[in-house]
PDB file of N, CA and C in Angstrom:
ATOM      1  N   MET A   1       1.025  -0.882   0.103  1.00  0.00           N
ATOM      2  CA  MET A   1       0.113   0.082   0.039  1.00  0.00           C
ATOM      3  C   MET A   1       0.622   1.192   0.062  1.00  0.00           C
ATOM      4  N   GLU A   2       0.480   2.351  -0.811  1.00  0.00           N
ATOM      5  CA  GLU A   2       1.190   3.209  -1.107  1.00  0.00           C
ATOM      6  C   GLU A   2       0.428   4.597  -0.703  1.00  0.00           C
ATOM      7  N   ILE A   3       0.629   5.483   0.610  1.00  0.00           N
ATOM      8  CA  ILE A   3      -0.187   6.557   0.510  1.00  0.00           C
ATOM      9  C   ILE A   3       0.949   7.531   1.153  1.00  0.00           C
ATOM     10  N   PRO A   4       1.299   8.703   0.450  1.00  0.00           N
ATOM     11  CA  PRO A   4       2.214   9.710   0.649  1.00  0.00           C
ATOM     12  C   PRO A   4       1.707  10.537   1.709  1.00  0.00           C
ATOM     13  N   CYS A   5       2.327  11.062   2.359  1.00  0.00           N
ATOM     14  CA  CYS A   5       1.864  12.085   3.671  1.00  0.00           C
ATOM     15  C   CYS A   5       1.811  12.792   3.301  1.00  0.00           C
ATOM     16  N   GLU A   6       1.904  13.516   1.659  1.00  0.00           N
ATOM     17  CA  GLU A   6       1.358  14.582   1.340  1.00  0.00           C
ATOM     18  C   GLU A   6      -0.198  14.663   1.089  1.00  0.00           C
ATOM     19  N   THR A   7      -0.520  13.270   0.877  1.00  0.00           N
ATOM     20  CA  THR A   7      -2.328  12.949   0.591  1.00  0.00           C
ATOM     21  C   THR A   7      -3.068  13.810   1.808  1.00  0.00           C
ATOM     22  N   VAL A   8      -4.101  14.354   1.147  1.00  0.00           N
ATOM     23  CA  VAL A   8      -4.984  14.984   2.077  1.00  0.00           C
ATOM     24  C   VAL A   8      -6.049  13.993   2.230  1.00  0.00           C
ATOM     25  N   ILE A   9      -6.473  13.512   3.619  1.00  0.00           N
ATOM     26  CA  ILE A   9      -7.518  12.597   3.725  1.00  0.00           C
ATOM     27  C   ILE A   9      -8.450  13.125   4.950  1.00  0.00           C
ATOM     28  N   GLY A  10      -9.898  12.919   4.575  1.00  0.00           N
ATOM     29  CA  GLY A  10     -10.619  13.366   5.579  1.00  0.00           C
ATOM     30  C   GLY A  10     -10.707  12.422   6.816  1.00  0.00           C
ATOM     31  N   ARG A  11     -11.810  12.858   7.649  1.00  0.00           N
ATOM     32  CA  ARG A  11     -12.111  11.689   8.609  1.00  0.00           C
ATOM     33  C   ARG A  11     -12.875  10.776   8.612  1.00  0.00           C
ATOM     34  N   ARG A  12     -12.734   9.567   9.391  1.00  0.00           N
ATOM     35  CA  ARG A  12     -13.354   8.520   9.113  1.00  0.00           C
ATOM     36  C   ARG A  12     -13.068   7.793   7.515  1.00  0.00           C
ATOM     37  N   PHE A  13     -11.693   7.859   7.213  1.00  0.00           N
ATOM     38  CA  PHE A  13     -11.486   7.156   5.852  1.00  0.00           C
ATOM     39  C   PHE A  13     -11.287   5.738   6.070  1.00  0.00           C
ATOM     40  N   THR A  14     -11.588   4.980   5.224  1.00  0.00           N
ATOM     41  CA  THR A  14     -12.000   3.433   5.541  1.00  0.00           C
ATOM     42  C   THR A  14     -10.930   2.539   4.651  1.00  0.00           C
ATOM     43  N   ILE A  15     -10.190   1.742   5.031  1.00  0.00           N
ATOM     44  CA  ILE A  15      -9.942   0.509   3.751  1.00  0.00           C
ATOM     45  C   ILE A  15      -9.946  -0.614   4.293  1.00  0.00           C
ATOM     46  N   GLU A  16     -11.407  -1.075   3.508  1.00  0.00           N
ATOM     47  CA  GLU A  16     -12.087  -2.222   3.948  1.00  0.00           C
ATOM     48  C   GLU A  16     -11.001  -3.579   3.627  1.00  0.00           C
ATOM     49  N   HIS A  17     -10.100  -3.446   2.722  1.00  0.00           N
ATOM     50  CA  HIS A  17      -9.198  -4.691   2.545  1.00  0.00           C
ATOM     51  C   HIS A  17      -7.818  -3.689   1.823  1.00  0.00           C
ATOM     52  N   THR A  18      -6.995  -4.250   2.438  1.00  0.00           N
ATOM     53  CA  THR A  18      -5.429  -3.705   2.283  1.00  0.00           C
ATOM     54  C   THR A  18      -4.817  -4.528   1.028  1.00  0.00           C
ATOM     55  N   GLY A  19      -3.900  -4.151   0.221  1.00  0.00           N
ATOM     56  CA  GLY A  19      -3.275  -4.952  -0.862  1.00  0.00           C
ATOM     57  C   GLY A  19      -3.360  -4.162  -2.223  1.00  0.00           C
ATOM     58  N   ALA A  20      -1.945  -3.488  -2.533  1.00  0.00           N
ATOM     59  CA  ALA A  20      -2.310  -3.140  -4.076  1.00  0.00           C
ATOM     60  C   ALA A  20      -2.946  -1.771  -4.103  1.00  0.00           C
ATOM     61  N   ILE A  21      -2.973  -1.101  -2.981  1.00  0.00           N
ATOM     62  CA  ILE A  21      -3.651   0.194  -2.984  1.00  0.00           C
ATOM     63  C   ILE A  21      -2.575   1.434  -3.359  1.00  0.00           C
ATOM     64  N   VAL A  22      -2.659   2.106  -4.204  1.00  0.00           N
ATOM     65  CA  VAL A  22      -1.635   3.465  -4.549  1.00  0.00           C
ATOM     66  C   VAL A  22      -2.469   4.563  -4.715  1.00  0.00           C
ATOM     67  N   ILE A  23      -2.140   5.701  -3.783  1.00  0.00           N
ATOM     68  CA  ILE A  23      -2.862   6.945  -4.123  1.00  0.00           C
ATOM     69  C   ILE A  23      -1.604   8.171  -3.974  1.00  0.00           C
ATOM     70  N   SER A  24      -1.680   8.875  -5.041  1.00  0.00           N
ATOM     71  CA  SER A  24      -0.945   9.975  -5.194  1.00  0.00           C
ATOM     72  C   SER A  24      -0.750  10.848  -4.125  1.00  0.00           C
ATOM     73  N   GLY A  25       0.184  11.629  -3.774  1.00  0.00           N
ATOM     74  CA  GLY A  25       0.526  12.620  -2.856  1.00  0.00           C
ATOM     75  C   GLY A  25      -0.549  13.818  -3.134  1.00  0.00           C
ATOM     76  N   ASP A  26      -1.032  14.117  -4.533  1.00  0.00           N
ATOM     77  CA  ASP A  26      -1.781  15.476  -4.675  1.00  0.00           C
ATOM     78  C   ASP A  26      -3.168  15.262  -4.404  1.00  0.00           C
ATOM     79  N   ALA A  27      -3.765  13.698  -4.309  1.00  0.00           N
ATOM     80  CA  ALA A  27      -4.963  13.478  -4.228  1.00  0.00           C
ATOM     81  C   ALA A  27      -5.455  14.065  -2.781  1.00  0.00           C
ATOM     82  N   VAL A  28      -7.135  14.386  -2.772  1.00  0.00           N
ATOM     83  CA  VAL A  28      -7.612  14.879  -1.670  1.00  0.00           C
ATOM     84  C   VAL A  28      -9.016  14.040  -1.569  1.00  0.00           C
ATOM     85  N   PHE A  29      -8.965  13.423  -0.248  1.00  0.00           N
ATOM     86  CA  PHE A  29     -10.462  12.513  -0.186  1.00  0.00           C
ATOM     87  C   PHE A  29     -11.245  13.462   1.035  1.00  0.00           C
ATOM     88  N   GLY A  30     -12.378  13.489   1.044  1.00  0.00           N
ATOM     89  CA  GLY A  30     -13.120  14.072   1.823  1.00  0.00           C
ATOM     90  C   GLY A  30     -13.626  13.351   3.181  1.00  0.00           C
ATOM     91  N   ASP A  31     -14.529  13.426   3.873  1.00  0.00           N
ATOM     92  CA  ASP A  31     -14.889  12.801   4.786  1.00  0.00           C
ATOM     93  C   ASP A  31     -15.984  11.525   4.507  1.00  0.00           C
ATOM     94  N   ASP A  32     -15.605  10.488   5.299  1.00  0.00           N
ATOM     95  CA  ASP A  32     -16.319   8.749   5.365  1.00  0.00           C
ATOM     96  C   ASP A  32     -16.333   8.388   3.683  1.00  0.00           C
ATOM     97  N   CYS A  33     -15.087   8.469   3.411  1.00  0.00           N
ATOM     98  CA  CYS A  33     -14.845   7.572   2.118  1.00  0.00           C
ATOM     99  C   CYS A  33     -14.091   6.246   2.437  1.00  0.00           C
ATOM    100  N   VAL A  34     -14.695   5.507   1.559  1.00  0.00           N
ATOM    101  CA  VAL A  34     -14.224   3.900   1.728  1.00  0.00           C
ATOM    102  C   VAL A  34     -13.516   3.510   0.659  1.00  0.00           C
ATOM    103  N   ILE A  35     -12.510   2.928   0.728  1.00  0.00           N
ATOM    104  CA  ILE A  35     -11.678   2.479  -0.586  1.00  0.00           C
ATOM    105  C   ILE A  35     -11.621   0.573  -0.200  1.00  0.00           C
ATOM    106  N   ARG A  36     -11.242  -0.098  -1.341  1.00  0.00           N
ATOM    107  CA  ARG A  36     -11.028  -1.485  -1.485  1.00  0.00           C
ATOM    108  C   ARG A  36      -9.433  -1.890  -2.080  1.00  0.00           C
ATOM    109  N   GLN A  37      -9.161  -3.062  -2.096  1.00  0.00           N
ATOM    110  CA  GLN A  37      -7.983  -3.499  -2.459  1.00  0.00           C
ATOM    111  C   GLN A  37      -7.684  -3.265  -4.263  1.00  0.00           C
ATOM    112  N   GLY A  38      -6.647  -2.750  -4.247  1.00  0.00           N
ATOM    113  CA  GLY A  38      -6.552  -2.897  -5.594  1.00  0.00           C
ATOM    114  C   GLY A  38      -6.756  -1.292  -6.337  1.00  0.00           C
ATOM    115  N   VAL A  39      -7.292  -0.211  -5.549  1.00  0.00           N
ATOM    116  CA  VAL A  39      -7.483   0.669  -5.869  1.00  0.00           C
ATOM    117  C   VAL A  39      -6.212   1.855  -6.234  1.00  0.00           C
ATOM    118  N   THR A  40      -6.253   2.445  -7.645  1.00  0.00           N
ATOM    119  CA  THR A  40      -5.097   3.490  -7.717  1.00  0.00           C
ATOM    120  C   THR A  40      -5.778   4.882  -7.740  1.00  0.00           C
ATOM    121  N   VAL A  41      -5.449   5.916  -7.187  1.00  0.00           N
ATOM    122  CA  VAL A  41      -5.873   7.171  -7.410  1.00  0.00           C
ATOM    123  C   VAL A  41      -4.763   7.918  -7.587  1.00  0.00           C
ATOM    124  N   GLY A  42      -4.669   8.512  -8.752  1.00  0.00           N
ATOM    125  CA  GLY A  42      -3.397   9.103  -9.315  1.00  0.00           C
ATOM    126  C   GLY A  42      -3.414  10.013 -10.654  1.00  0.00           C
ATOM    127  N   LEU A  43      -2.173   9.976 -10.971  1.00  0.00           N
ATOM    128  CA  LEU A  43      -2.169  11.016 -12.290  1.00  0.00           C
ATOM    129  C   LEU A  43      -2.526  10.177 -13.129  1.00  0.00           C
ATOM    130  N   ARG A  44      -2.901  10.765 -14.390  1.00  0.00           N
ATOM    131  CA  ARG A  44      -3.229  10.002 -15.561  1.00  0.00           C
ATOM    132  C   ARG A  44      -1.848   9.575 -16.655  1.00  0.00           C
ATOM    133  N   ASN A  45      -0.940  10.860 -16.393  1.00  0.00           N
ATOM    134  CA  ASN A  45      -0.014  10.575 -17.316  1.00  0.00           C
ATOM    135  C   ASN A  45       1.250  11.228 -16.276  1.00  0.00           C
ATOM    136  N   ARG A  46       2.424  10.545 -16.856  1.00  0.00           N
ATOM    137  CA  ARG A  46       3.423  11.156 -15.604  1.00  0.00           C
ATOM    138  C   ARG A  46       4.270  12.742 -16.296  1.00  0.00           C
ATOM    139  N   HIS A  47       3.532  13.090 -17.268  1.00  0.00           N
ATOM    140  CA  HIS A  47       4.026  14.319 -17.985  1.00  0.00           C
ATOM    141  C   HIS A  47       3.019  15.447 -17.624  1.00  0.00           C
ATOM    142  N   ARG A  48       2.293  15.061 -16.735  1.00  0.00           N
ATOM    143  CA  ARG A  48       0.982  16.301 -16.553  1.00  0.00           C
ATOM    144  C   ARG A  48       0.645  15.901 -14.869  1.00  0.00           C
ATOM    145  N   ARG A  49       0.938  16.909 -13.921  1.00  0.00           N
ATOM    146  CA  ARG A  49       0.494  16.784 -12.525  1.00  0.00           C
ATOM    147  C   ARG A  49      -1.072  16.847 -12.461  1.00  0.00           C
ATOM    148  N   GLY A  50      -1.600  16.591 -11.353  1.00  0.00           N
ATOM    149  CA  GLY A  50      -3.222  16.700 -11.297  1.00  0.00           C
ATOM    150  C   GLY A  50      -4.037  15.315 -11.014  1.00  0.00           C
ATOM    151  N   SER A  51      -4.280  15.205  -9.663  1.00  0.00           N
ATOM    152  CA  SER A  51      -4.903  14.346  -9.020  1.00  0.00           C
ATOM    153  C   SER A  51      -6.440  14.214  -8.894  1.00  0.00           C
ATOM    154  N   PRO A  52      -7.094  13.249  -8.777  1.00  0.00           N
ATOM    155  CA  PRO A  52      -8.446  13.361  -8.115  1.00  0.00           C
ATOM    156  C   PRO A  52      -8.797  14.280  -6.839  1.00  0.00           C
ATOM    157  N   ARG A  53      -9.602  14.785  -7.081  1.00  0.00           N
ATOM    158  CA  ARG A  53     -10.148  15.510  -5.683  1.00  0.00           C
ATOM    159  C   ARG A  53     -11.625  14.759  -5.399  1.00  0.00           C
ATOM    160  N   ILE A  54     -11.767  14.045  -4.213  1.00  0.00           N
ATOM    161  CA  ILE A  54     -12.896  12.964  -4.019  1.00  0.00           C
ATOM    162  C   ILE A  54     -13.692  13.788  -2.691  1.00  0.00           C
ATOM    163  N   GLY A  55     -14.815  13.951  -3.040  1.00  0.00           N
ATOM    164  CA  GLY A  55     -15.980  14.185  -2.203  1.00  0.00           C
ATOM    165  C   GLY A  55     -15.948  13.473  -1.071  1.00  0.00           C
ATOM    166  N   ASP A  56     -17.321  13.845  -0.102  1.00  0.00           N
ATOM    167  CA  ASP A  56     -17.501  12.921   0.856  1.00  0.00           C
ATOM    168  C   ASP A  56     -18.488  11.866   0.893  1.00  0.00           C
ATOM    169  N   ARG A  57     -18.503  11.142   1.634  1.00  0.00           N
ATOM    170  CA  ARG A  57     -19.063   9.801   1.393  1.00  0.00           C
ATOM    171  C   ARG A  57     -19.201   9.201   0.085  1.00  0.00           C
ATOM    172  N   VAL A  58     -18.128   8.988  -0.479  1.00  0.00           N
ATOM    173  CA  VAL A  58     -17.717   8.333  -1.700  1.00  0.00           C
ATOM    174  C   VAL A  58     -17.239   6.880  -1.898  1.00  0.00           C
ATOM    175  N   ASP A  59     -17.582   5.529  -1.787  1.00  0.00           N
ATOM    176  CA  ASP A  59     -17.425   4.375  -1.783  1.00  0.00           C
ATOM    177  C   ASP A  59     -16.835   4.013  -3.462  1.00  0.00           C
ATOM    178  N   ILE A  60     -15.551   3.518  -2.962  1.00  0.00           N
ATOM    179  CA  ILE A  60     -14.519   3.202  -4.417  1.00  0.00           C
ATOM    180  C   ILE A  60     -14.505   1.721  -4.336  1.00  0.00           C
ATOM    181  N   GLY A  61     -14.920   0.671  -5.407  1.00  0.00           N
ATOM    182  CA  GLY A  61     -14.895  -0.407  -5.283  1.00  0.00           C
ATOM    183  C   GLY A  61     -13.423  -1.076  -5.984  1.00  0.00           C
ATOM    184  N   ALA A  62     -13.189  -2.173  -5.380  1.00  0.00           N
ATOM    185  CA  ALA A  62     -12.038  -3.026  -5.404  1.00  0.00           C
ATOM    186  C   ALA A  62     -11.575  -2.933  -6.897  1.00  0.00           C
ATOM    187  N   GLY A  63     -10.195  -2.591  -7.120  1.00  0.00           N
ATOM    188  CA  GLY A  63      -9.552  -2.301  -8.684  1.00  0.00           C
ATOM    189  C   GLY A  63      -9.954  -1.295  -9.408  1.00  0.00           C
ATOM    190  N   ALA A  64     -10.773  -0.285  -8.717  1.00  0.00           N
ATOM    191  CA  ALA A  64     -10.899   0.755  -9.716  1.00  0.00           C
ATOM    192  C   ALA A  64      -9.734   1.691  -9.642  1.00  0.00           C
ATOM    193  N   LYS A  65      -9.853   2.359 -10.734  1.00  0.00           N
ATOM    194  CA  LYS A  65      -8.680   3.463 -11.096  1.00  0.00           C
ATOM    195  C   LYS A  65      -9.193   4.908 -11.228  1.00  0.00           C
ATOM    196  N   LEU A  66      -8.952   5.656 -10.489  1.00  0.00           N
ATOM    197  CA  LEU A  66      -9.418   7.171 -10.687  1.00  0.00           C
ATOM    198  C   LEU A  66      -7.972   7.968 -11.157  1.00  0.00           C
ATOM    199  N   LEU A  67      -8.054   8.685 -12.182  1.00  0.00           N
ATOM    200  CA  LEU A  67      -6.824   9.322 -12.944  1.00  0.00           C
ATOM    201  C   LEU A  67      -6.972  10.532 -13.304  1.00  0.00           C
ATOM    202  N   GLY A  68      -6.092  11.344 -13.088  1.00  0.00           N
ATOM    203  CA  GLY A  68      -6.141  12.765 -13.634  1.00  0.00           C
ATOM    204  C   GLY A  68      -6.944  13.689 -12.739  1.00  0.00           C
ATOM    205  N   GLU A  69      -6.927  14.998 -13.222  1.00  0.00           N
ATOM    206  CA  GLU A  69      -7.125  16.006 -12.384  1.00  0.00           C
ATOM    207  C   GLU A  69      -8.727  16.111 -12.883  1.00  0.00           C
ATOM    208  N   ILE A  70      -9.586  15.319 -11.687  1.00  0.00           N
ATOM    209  CA  ILE A  70     -10.883  15.095 -11.674  1.00  0.00           C
ATOM    210  C   ILE A  70     -11.384  15.673 -10.633  1.00  0.00           C
ATOM    211  N   THR A  71     -12.739  15.533 -10.513  1.00  0.00           N
ATOM    212  CA  THR A  71     -13.460  16.088  -9.227  1.00  0.00           C
ATOM    213  C   THR A  71     -14.571  14.814  -9.136  1.00  0.00           C
ATOM    214  N   ILE A  72     -14.465  14.318  -7.969  1.00  0.00           N
ATOM    215  CA  ILE A  72     -15.822  13.193  -7.619  1.00  0.00           C
ATOM    216  C   ILE A  72     -16.486  13.879  -6.600  1.00  0.00           C
ATOM    217  N   GLY A  73     -17.863  13.863  -6.974  1.00  0.00           N
ATOM    218  CA  GLY A  73     -18.493  14.331  -5.838  1.00  0.00           C
ATOM    219  C   GLY A  73     -19.085  13.877  -4.845  1.00  0.00           C
ATOM    220  N   ASP A  74     -19.812  14.540  -4.274  1.00  0.00           N
ATOM    221  CA  ASP A  74     -20.611  13.723  -2.796  1.00  0.00           C
ATOM    222  C   ASP A  74     -20.999  12.783  -3.216  1.00  0.00           C
ATOM    223  N   ASP A  75     -21.719  11.681  -2.131  1.00  0.00           N
ATOM    224  CA  ASP A  75     -22.398  10.295  -2.274  1.00  0.00           C
ATOM    225  C   ASP A  75     -22.302   9.757  -3.586  1.00  0.00           C
ATOM    226  N   VAL A  76     -21.028   9.620  -3.977  1.00  0.00           N
ATOM    227  CA  VAL A  76     -20.884   8.849  -5.326  1.00  0.00           C
ATOM    228  C   VAL A  76     -20.371   7.367  -4.960  1.00  0.00           C
ATOM    229  N   ALA A  77     -20.918   6.645  -5.893  1.00  0.00           N
ATOM    230  CA  ALA A  77     -20.086   5.488  -5.881  1.00  0.00           C
ATOM    231  C   ALA A  77     -19.374   4.871  -7.175  1.00  0.00           C
ATOM    232  N   ILE A  78     -18.178   4.338  -7.133  1.00  0.00           N
ATOM    233  CA  ILE A  78     -17.474   3.905  -8.137  1.00  0.00           C
ATOM    234  C   ILE A  78     -17.464   2.415  -8.124  1.00  0.00           C
ATOM    235  N   GLY A  79     -17.740   1.905  -9.226  1.00  0.00           N
ATOM    236  CA  GLY A  79     -17.840   0.500  -9.164  1.00  0.00           C
ATOM    237  C   GLY A  79     -16.639  -0.525  -9.356  1.00  0.00           C
ATOM    238  N   ALA A  80     -16.458  -1.578  -8.822  1.00  0.00           N
ATOM    239  CA  ALA A  80     -15.502  -2.422  -8.868  1.00  0.00           C
ATOM    240  C   ALA A  80     -14.809  -2.566 -10.498  1.00  0.00           C
ATOM    241  N   ASN A  81     -13.398  -2.175 -10.506  1.00  0.00           N
ATOM    242  CA  ASN A  81     -12.547  -2.151 -11.755  1.00  0.00           C
ATOM    243  C   ASN A  81     -12.912  -1.142 -12.697  1.00  0.00           C
ATOM    244  N   ALA A  82     -13.895   0.053 -12.260  1.00  0.00           N
ATOM    245  CA  ALA A  82     -13.974   1.083 -13.121  1.00  0.00           C
ATOM    246  C   ALA A  82     -12.709   1.842 -13.392  1.00  0.00           C
ATOM    247  N   VAL A  83     -12.722   2.711 -14.719  1.00  0.00           N
ATOM    248  CA  VAL A  83     -11.472   3.472 -14.906  1.00  0.00           C
ATOM    249  C   VAL A  83     -12.305   4.694 -14.937  1.00  0.00           C
ATOM    250  N   VAL A  84     -12.026   5.584 -14.016  1.00  0.00           N
ATOM    251  CA  VAL A  84     -12.635   6.888 -13.832  1.00  0.00           C
ATOM    252  C   VAL A  84     -11.785   8.100 -14.664  1.00  0.00           C
ATOM    253  N   LEU A  85     -12.030   8.514 -15.577  1.00  0.00           N
ATOM    254  CA  LEU A  85     -11.051   9.450 -16.147  1.00  0.00           C
ATOM    255  C   LEU A  85     -11.755  10.863 -16.220  1.00  0.00           C
ATOM    256  N   CYS A  86     -12.773  10.944 -15.949  1.00  0.00           N
ATOM    257  CA  CYS A  86     -14.090  12.285 -16.183  1.00  0.00           C
ATOM    258  C   CYS A  86     -14.469  12.696 -14.436  1.00  0.00           C
ATOM    259  N   ASP A  87     -14.883  13.649 -14.501  1.00  0.00           N
ATOM    260  CA  ASP A  87     -15.607  14.273 -13.198  1.00  0.00           C
ATOM    261  C   ASP A  87     -17.033  13.368 -13.187  1.00  0.00           C
ATOM    262  N   VAL A  88     -17.598  13.301 -11.808  1.00  0.00           N
ATOM    263  CA  VAL A  88     -18.773  12.316 -11.430  1.00  0.00           C
ATOM    264  C   VAL A  88     -19.361  13.126 -10.504  1.00  0.00           C
ATOM    265  N   PRO A  89     -20.449  13.960 -10.850  1.00  0.00           N
ATOM    266  CA  PRO A  89     -21.139  14.791 -10.074  1.00  0.00           C
ATOM    267  C   PRO A  89     -21.961  13.966  -8.782  1.00  0.00           C
ATOM    268  N   ASP A  90     -22.247  14.769  -7.982  1.00  0.00           N
ATOM    269  CA  ASP A  90     -22.772  14.433  -6.734  1.00  0.00           C
ATOM    270  C   ASP A  90     -23.975  13.116  -6.964  1.00  0.00           C
ATOM    271  N   GLY A  91     -24.095  12.458  -6.195  1.00  0.00           N
ATOM    272  CA  GLY A  91     -25.088  11.687  -6.272  1.00  0.00           C
ATOM    273  C   GLY A  91     -25.120  10.261  -7.239  1.00  0.00           C
ATOM    274  N   CYS A  92     -24.082  10.485  -7.873  1.00  0.00           N
ATOM    275  CA  CYS A  92     -24.001   9.543  -9.510  1.00  0.00           C
ATOM    276  C   CYS A  92     -22.937   8.292  -8.700  1.00  0.00           C
ATOM    277  N   ILE A  93     -23.186   7.582  -9.901  1.00  0.00           N
ATOM    278  CA  ILE A  93     -22.259   6.073  -9.789  1.00  0.00           C
ATOM    279  C   ILE A  93     -21.374   6.242 -11.095  1.00  0.00           C
ATOM    280  N   ALA A  94     -20.328   5.732 -11.154  1.00  0.00           N
ATOM    281  CA  ALA A  94     -19.587   5.438 -12.073  1.00  0.00           C
ATOM    282  C   ALA A  94     -19.040   3.794 -12.710  1.00  0.00           C
ATOM    283  N   VAL A  95     -19.288   3.732 -13.554  1.00  0.00           N
ATOM    284  CA  VAL A  95     -19.402   2.066 -13.820  1.00  0.00           C
ATOM    285  C   VAL A  95     -18.563   1.891 -15.313  1.00  0.00           C
ATOM    286  N   GLY A  96     -17.781   0.633 -15.138  1.00  0.00           N
ATOM    287  CA  GLY A  96     -17.321   0.524 -16.943  1.00  0.00           C
ATOM    288  C   GLY A  96     -15.606   0.898 -16.843  1.00  0.00           C
ATOM    289  N   VAL A  97     -15.177   0.538 -18.129  1.00  0.00           N
ATOM    290  CA  VAL A  97     -13.943   0.733 -18.483  1.00  0.00           C
ATOM    291  C   VAL A  97     -14.230   1.340 -20.244  1.00  0.00           C
ATOM    292  N   PRO A  98     -13.746   2.642 -20.382  1.00  0.00           N
ATOM    293  CA  PRO A  98     -13.911   3.769 -19.305  1.00  0.00           C
ATOM    294  C   PRO A  98     -15.070   4.197 -18.620  1.00  0.00           C
ATOM    295  N   ALA A  99     -15.194   4.405 -17.537  1.00  0.00           N
ATOM    296  CA  ALA A  99     -16.344   4.665 -16.645  1.00  0.00           C
ATOM    297  C   ALA A  99     -17.490   5.439 -17.102  1.00  0.00           C
ATOM    298  N   GLU A 100     -18.797   5.110 -17.225  1.00  0.00           N
ATOM    299  CA  GLU A 100     -19.865   5.793 -17.834  1.00  0.00           C
ATOM    300  C   GLU A 100     -20.529   6.288 -16.466  1.00  0.00           C
ATOM    301  N   VAL A 101     -21.042   7.601 -16.502  1.00  0.00           N
ATOM    302  CA  VAL A 101     -21.585   8.018 -15.281  1.00  0.00           C
ATOM    303  C   VAL A 101     -22.963   7.897 -15.272  1.00  0.00           C
ATOM    304  N   LYS A 102     -23.682   7.514 -14.368  1.00  0.00           N
ATOM    305  CA  LYS A 102     -25.112   7.395 -14.102  1.00  0.00           C
ATOM    306  C   LYS A 102     -25.788   7.838 -12.966  1.00  0.00           C
ATOM    307  N   VAL A 103     -27.040   8.226 -12.980  1.00  0.00           N
ATOM    308  CA  VAL A 103     -27.664   8.934 -11.459  1.00  0.00           C
ATOM    309  C   VAL A 103     -27.978   7.623 -10.865  1.00  0.00           C
ATOM    310  N   ARG A 104     -27.550   7.680  -9.676  1.00  0.00           N
ATOM    311  CA  ARG A 104     -28.025   6.432  -8.741  1.00  0.00           C
ATOM    312  C   ARG A 104     -29.645   6.496  -8.348  1.00  0.00           C
ATOM    313  N   ARG A 105     -30.346   5.006  -8.386  1.00  0.00           N
ATOM    314  CA  ARG A 105     -31.363   5.097  -8.198  1.00  0.00           C
ATOM    315  C   ARG A 105     -31.889   5.630  -7.091  1.00  0.00           C
ATOM    316  N   GLY A 106     -33.028   6.105  -6.820  1.00  0.00           N
ATOM    317  CA  GLY A 106     -33.545   6.831  -5.223  1.00  0.00           C
ATOM    318  C   GLY A 106     -33.134   8.068  -5.050  1.00  0.00           C
ATOM    319  N   LEU A 107     -32.010   8.578  -5.958  1.00  0.00           N
ATOM    320  CA  LEU A 107     -31.841  10.112  -5.610  1.00  0.00           C
ATOM    321  C   LEU A 107     -32.139  10.981  -6.596  1.00  0.00           C
ATOM    322  N   ARG A 108     -32.428  12.218  -6.152  1.00  0.00           N
ATOM    323  CA  ARG A 108     -33.092  13.444  -7.030  1.00  0.00           C
ATOM    324  C   ARG A 108     -32.179  13.383  -8.059  1.00  0.00           C
ATOM    325  N   GLU A 109     -32.777  13.870  -9.302  1.00  0.00           N
ATOM    326  CA  GLU A 109     -32.124  13.997 -10.850  1.00  0.00           C
ATOM    327  C   GLU A 109     -30.912  14.950 -10.436  1.00  0.00           C
ATOM    328  N   VAL A 110     -29.870  14.624 -11.258  1.00  0.00           N
ATOM    329  CA  VAL A 110     -28.624  15.646 -11.283  1.00  0.00           C
ATOM    330  C   VAL A 110     -28.635  15.955 -12.631  1.00  0.00           C
ATOM    331  N   GLU A 111     -28.143  17.200 -12.799  1.00  0.00           N
ATOM    332  CA  GLU A 111     -27.769  17.567 -14.262  1.00  0.00           C
ATOM    333  C   GLU A 111     -26.235  16.894 -14.700  1.00  0.00           C
ATOM    334  N   MET A 112     -26.592  16.123 -15.735  1.00  0.00           N
ATOM    335  CA  MET A 112     -25.343  15.470 -16.325  1.00  0.00           C
ATOM    336  C   MET A 112     -24.588  16.392 -17.318  1.00  0.00           C
ATOM    337  N   VAL A 113     -23.096  16.558 -16.999  1.00  0.00           N
ATOM    338  CA  VAL A 113     -22.425  17.374 -18.090  1.00  0.00           C
ATOM    339  C   VAL A 113     -21.724  16.475 -19.091  1.00  0.00           C
TER     340      VAL A 113
END
């Protein structure tokens, strides 16, 4: 597991299963985030700085990759093995490779960009 001391991590950050977790020192996590084994949160390529900014109450599934200067909103779920390369608005889910953003069932409609 690799989490540099420069990484900003909110309160009640939970790692449910350890192993193969890599997080960039530029990454920012909000409160109540959960990650699992095999998650990478970092740069999209080595020639350009910028890592994800992750909101509050974000659940990141096993093997997911969040790459580049993207913003993940509050109350978001990232599916297992998803490759997220774009912003994810509040209350949405991101699934697939590359990830497709969808509104979570039971939550209010959000404007999709």
